[in-house]
């Protein structure tokens, strides 16, 4: 029996259709083609719906009082598929209970192992709407305001030890594609751009 299965990386639910301008959703097609060649069954299409861009689209929509945030995302995803072309394996988003449960389980395990930690971190908050703009002063992506103020809050972070690899072969990842972990190969991948500290906590969604 084949033990390989391909899934697409979660695609942000932006303003495009799969047929006309697939963009990153090309991974959906690639995964389906590879699974077909392998004789594997259909798999769910993975979508990322918890985004600031989605918050802003909802905030600016004229029907926001009658269509809630979740329904708007569901409609936008459905509209990306041709009529009657819903994926046989279904659709899975980051708001699905099974996905939230998995994320919580992984985060709790990494906290127990010490890979992640809640650490007081200096950030900047927008002086108009309070949105966290990042670790440096910059224009607010939520409201466009230029002003921010320094603030320290506990954030979930990952600190990489000096010289430590971004990815390591572990028993559960022993089959990780070798080109990602071969010494000297990092410059050929986005991994060499990973900073020493990565902030896992993200700005909270807007109050909608």
Protein backbone atom coordinates (compact mmCIF):
# COMPACT_ATOMS: atom_id res chain seq x y z
CA UNK A 1 0.00 0.00 0.00
CA UNK A 2 1.23 3.49 -0.84
CA UNK A 3 2.26 5.40 2.31
CA UNK A 4 2.74 8.81 0.67
CA UNK A 5 0.00 11.45 0.57
CA UNK A 6 0.25 15.02 -0.69
CA UNK A 7 -1.68 17.98 0.73
CA UNK A 8 -1.42 21.62 -0.23
CA UNK A 9 0.05 24.17 2.13
CA UNK A 10 -2.80 26.25 3.63
CA UNK A 11 -3.78 28.95 1.14
CA UNK A 12 -4.80 32.43 2.29
CA UNK A 13 -8.38 33.14 1.31
CA UNK A 14 -7.58 36.15 -0.88
CA UNK A 15 -9.45 37.75 -3.80
CA UNK A 16 -8.80 35.21 -6.57
CA UNK A 17 -10.34 32.15 -8.19
CA UNK A 18 -8.63 28.82 -8.73
CA UNK A 19 -9.59 28.70 -12.42
CA UNK A 20 -8.52 32.20 -13.46
CA UNK A 21 -5.68 33.24 -11.13
CA UNK A 22 -4.75 30.38 -8.79
CA UNK A 23 -1.54 31.86 -7.38
CA UNK A 24 -0.53 29.91 -4.28
CA UNK A 25 -3.58 27.69 -4.76
CA UNK A 26 -1.59 25.98 -7.51
CA UNK A 27 -0.47 23.71 -4.68
CA UNK A 28 -4.01 22.35 -4.52
CA UNK A 29 -3.78 21.24 -8.13
CA UNK A 30 -0.28 19.88 -7.69
CA UNK A 31 -1.29 17.80 -4.67
CA UNK A 32 -4.31 16.39 -6.48
CA UNK A 33 -2.23 15.51 -9.55
CA UNK A 34 0.43 13.74 -7.47
CA UNK A 35 -2.15 11.81 -5.45
CA UNK A 36 -3.86 10.75 -8.67
CA UNK A 37 -0.55 9.44 -10.05
CA UNK A 38 0.00 7.52 -6.79
CA UNK A 39 -3.54 6.14 -6.78
CA UNK A 40 -4.29 7.84 -3.46
CA UNK A 41 -7.75 8.97 -2.47
CA UNK A 42 -8.95 12.57 -2.36
CA UNK A 43 -7.64 14.82 0.39
CA UNK A 44 -9.16 18.01 1.83
CA UNK A 45 -8.16 21.39 0.45
CA UNK A 46 -6.51 23.45 3.20
CA UNK A 47 -7.38 27.15 3.56
CA UNK A 48 -6.08 29.87 5.88
CA UNK A 49 -8.94 32.18 6.89
CA UNK A 50 -7.65 33.85 10.08
CA UNK A 51 -5.91 36.85 8.53
CA UNK A 52 -5.82 40.58 9.06
CA UNK A 53 -6.76 41.04 5.38
CA UNK A 54 -9.91 39.03 6.02
CA UNK A 55 -10.70 41.14 9.08
CA UNK A 56 -10.38 44.31 7.02
CA UNK A 57 -12.53 42.98 4.19
CA UNK A 58 -15.24 42.13 6.68
CA UNK A 59 -14.97 45.46 8.48
CA UNK A 60 -15.40 47.37 5.22
CA UNK A 61 -18.23 45.23 3.82
CA UNK A 62 -21.63 46.90 3.50
CA UNK A 63 -23.41 43.73 4.66
CA UNK A 64 -21.31 43.12 7.78
CA UNK A 65 -24.39 43.46 9.98
CA UNK A 66 -26.12 40.55 8.24
CA UNK A 67 -23.18 38.33 7.23
CA UNK A 68 -20.79 37.27 9.99
CA UNK A 69 -17.04 36.82 9.62
CA UNK A 70 -17.13 33.01 9.32
CA UNK A 71 -19.92 33.01 6.74
CA UNK A 72 -18.05 35.57 4.66
CA UNK A 73 -14.96 33.35 4.57
CA UNK A 74 -17.06 30.29 3.69
CA UNK A 75 -18.72 32.14 0.82
CA UNK A 76 -15.40 33.43 -0.50
CA UNK A 77 -13.91 29.93 -0.53
CA UNK A 78 -16.97 28.41 -2.23
CA UNK A 79 -16.83 31.10 -4.92
CA UNK A 80 -13.30 30.05 -5.85
CA UNK A 81 -14.53 26.76 -7.25
CA UNK A 82 -16.45 26.33 -10.48
CA UNK A 83 -20.14 25.41 -9.98
CA UNK A 84 -20.42 21.78 -8.95
CA UNK A 85 -16.65 21.41 -8.56
CA UNK A 86 -16.43 21.18 -4.78
CA UNK A 87 -13.41 19.06 -3.74
CA UNK A 88 -14.21 15.39 -3.17
CA UNK A 89 -12.04 15.41 -0.05
CA UNK A 90 -13.81 18.42 1.40
CA UNK A 91 -12.44 21.72 2.68
CA UNK A 92 -10.56 22.29 5.93
CA UNK A 93 -9.79 25.72 7.40
CA UNK A 94 -7.81 26.91 10.40
CA UNK A 95 -11.07 27.56 12.28
CA UNK A 96 -12.13 23.90 12.19
CA UNK A 97 -12.27 22.36 15.69
CA UNK A 98 -9.94 19.51 14.70
CA UNK A 99 -7.33 22.01 13.45
CA UNK A 100 -7.60 24.17 16.57
CA UNK A 101 -7.24 21.07 18.77
CA UNK A 102 -4.13 19.95 16.88
CA UNK A 103 -2.55 23.42 17.13
CA UNK A 104 -3.22 23.51 20.87
CA UNK A 105 -1.77 20.02 21.35
CA UNK A 106 1.39 20.92 19.41
CA UNK A 107 1.83 24.22 21.27
CA UNK A 108 1.40 22.59 24.67
CA UNK A 109 3.95 19.91 23.81
CA UNK A 110 6.49 22.49 22.62
CA UNK A 111 5.95 24.49 25.82
CA UNK A 112 6.56 21.39 27.94
CA UNK A 113 9.71 20.60 25.96
CA UNK A 114 10.98 24.15 26.36
CA UNK A 115 11.06 24.80 22.62
CA UNK A 116 8.52 27.60 23.06
CA UNK A 117 8.18 30.02 25.96
CA UNK A 118 6.07 32.97 27.04
CA UNK A 119 8.59 35.80 27.19
CA UNK A 120 8.18 39.54 27.92
CA UNK A 121 8.81 41.12 24.52
CA UNK A 122 9.09 44.78 23.49
CA UNK A 123 6.56 45.59 20.77
CA UNK A 124 4.75 48.64 19.39
CA UNK A 125 1.01 49.30 19.58
CA UNK A 126 -0.90 51.64 17.30
CA UNK A 127 -1.82 54.81 19.19
CA UNK A 128 -5.14 54.99 17.36
CA UNK A 129 -6.60 51.48 17.45
CA UNK A 130 -4.24 49.55 19.75
CA UNK A 131 -3.31 46.94 17.11
CA UNK A 132 0.13 45.39 17.63
CA UNK A 133 2.24 46.64 14.74
CA UNK A 134 5.31 44.52 15.47
CA UNK A 135 8.63 44.74 17.26
CA UNK A 136 9.59 47.98 15.49
CA UNK A 137 7.73 51.24 14.89
CA UNK A 138 5.81 51.12 11.63
CA UNK A 139 2.48 52.13 10.14
CA UNK A 140 -0.47 50.18 11.48
CA UNK A 141 -1.70 47.56 9.02
CA UNK A 142 -5.11 47.58 10.66
CA UNK A 143 -6.02 51.27 10.38
CA UNK A 144 -3.11 52.87 8.52
CA UNK A 145 -2.16 55.21 11.36
CA UNK A 146 1.53 56.14 11.48
CA UNK A 147 1.87 56.62 15.25
CA UNK A 148 2.77 53.84 17.69
CA UNK A 149 3.91 53.52 21.27
CA UNK A 150 6.31 51.04 22.88
CA UNK A 151 4.81 48.36 25.05
CA UNK A 152 6.06 45.15 26.66
CA UNK A 153 3.80 42.12 26.72
CA UNK A 154 4.25 38.38 27.20
CA UNK A 155 4.37 36.68 23.80
CA UNK A 156 4.85 33.12 22.70
CA UNK A 157 8.32 32.98 21.15
CA UNK A 158 10.89 30.53 19.84
CA UNK A 159 14.53 31.38 20.51
CA UNK A 160 17.00 29.54 18.29
CA UNK A 161 20.36 28.91 19.92
CA UNK A 162 23.37 30.46 18.11
CA UNK A 163 24.51 28.12 15.37
CA UNK A 164 21.55 25.76 15.84
CA UNK A 165 19.89 24.52 12.63
CA UNK A 166 16.42 25.73 11.73
CA UNK A 167 15.31 22.16 11.08
CA UNK A 168 16.68 19.09 12.77
CA UNK A 169 16.12 15.45 11.97
CA UNK A 170 14.10 13.94 14.78
CA UNK A 171 12.51 10.48 14.97
CA UNK A 172 9.13 11.84 13.94
CA UNK A 173 10.70 13.78 11.04
CA UNK A 174 13.25 11.21 9.93
CA UNK A 175 11.80 11.20 6.42
CA UNK A 176 12.13 14.98 6.00
CA UNK A 177 13.31 15.88 2.51
CA UNK A 178 17.11 15.74 2.70
CA UNK A 179 17.84 18.93 0.77
CA UNK A 180 16.36 20.95 3.62
CA UNK A 181 18.78 19.61 6.21
CA UNK A 182 21.97 18.99 4.26
CA UNK A 183 24.82 21.20 5.55
CA UNK A 184 25.36 24.14 3.23
CA UNK A 185 21.99 23.74 1.56
CA UNK A 186 20.17 26.39 3.60
CA UNK A 187 21.03 29.33 1.29
CA UNK A 188 19.01 27.57 -1.42
CA UNK A 189 15.88 27.70 0.72
CA UNK A 190 13.95 30.35 2.67
CA UNK A 191 15.20 28.71 5.88
CA UNK A 192 18.41 30.77 5.96
CA UNK A 193 16.28 33.88 6.51
CA UNK A 194 14.72 32.62 9.74
CA UNK A 195 15.65 35.08 12.53
CA UNK A 196 17.17 34.08 15.84
CA UNK A 197 13.87 34.86 17.62
CA UNK A 198 10.57 34.00 16.03
CA UNK A 199 7.36 35.37 17.53
CA UNK A 200 4.62 32.78 17.39
CA UNK A 201 1.96 35.01 18.96
CA UNK A 202 0.23 37.14 16.37
CA UNK A 203 -1.70 40.41 16.70
CA UNK A 204 -5.23 39.77 17.86
CA UNK A 205 -7.98 40.12 15.22
CA UNK A 206 -9.77 43.41 15.10
CA UNK A 207 -12.84 43.89 17.27
CA UNK A 208 -15.56 43.25 14.72
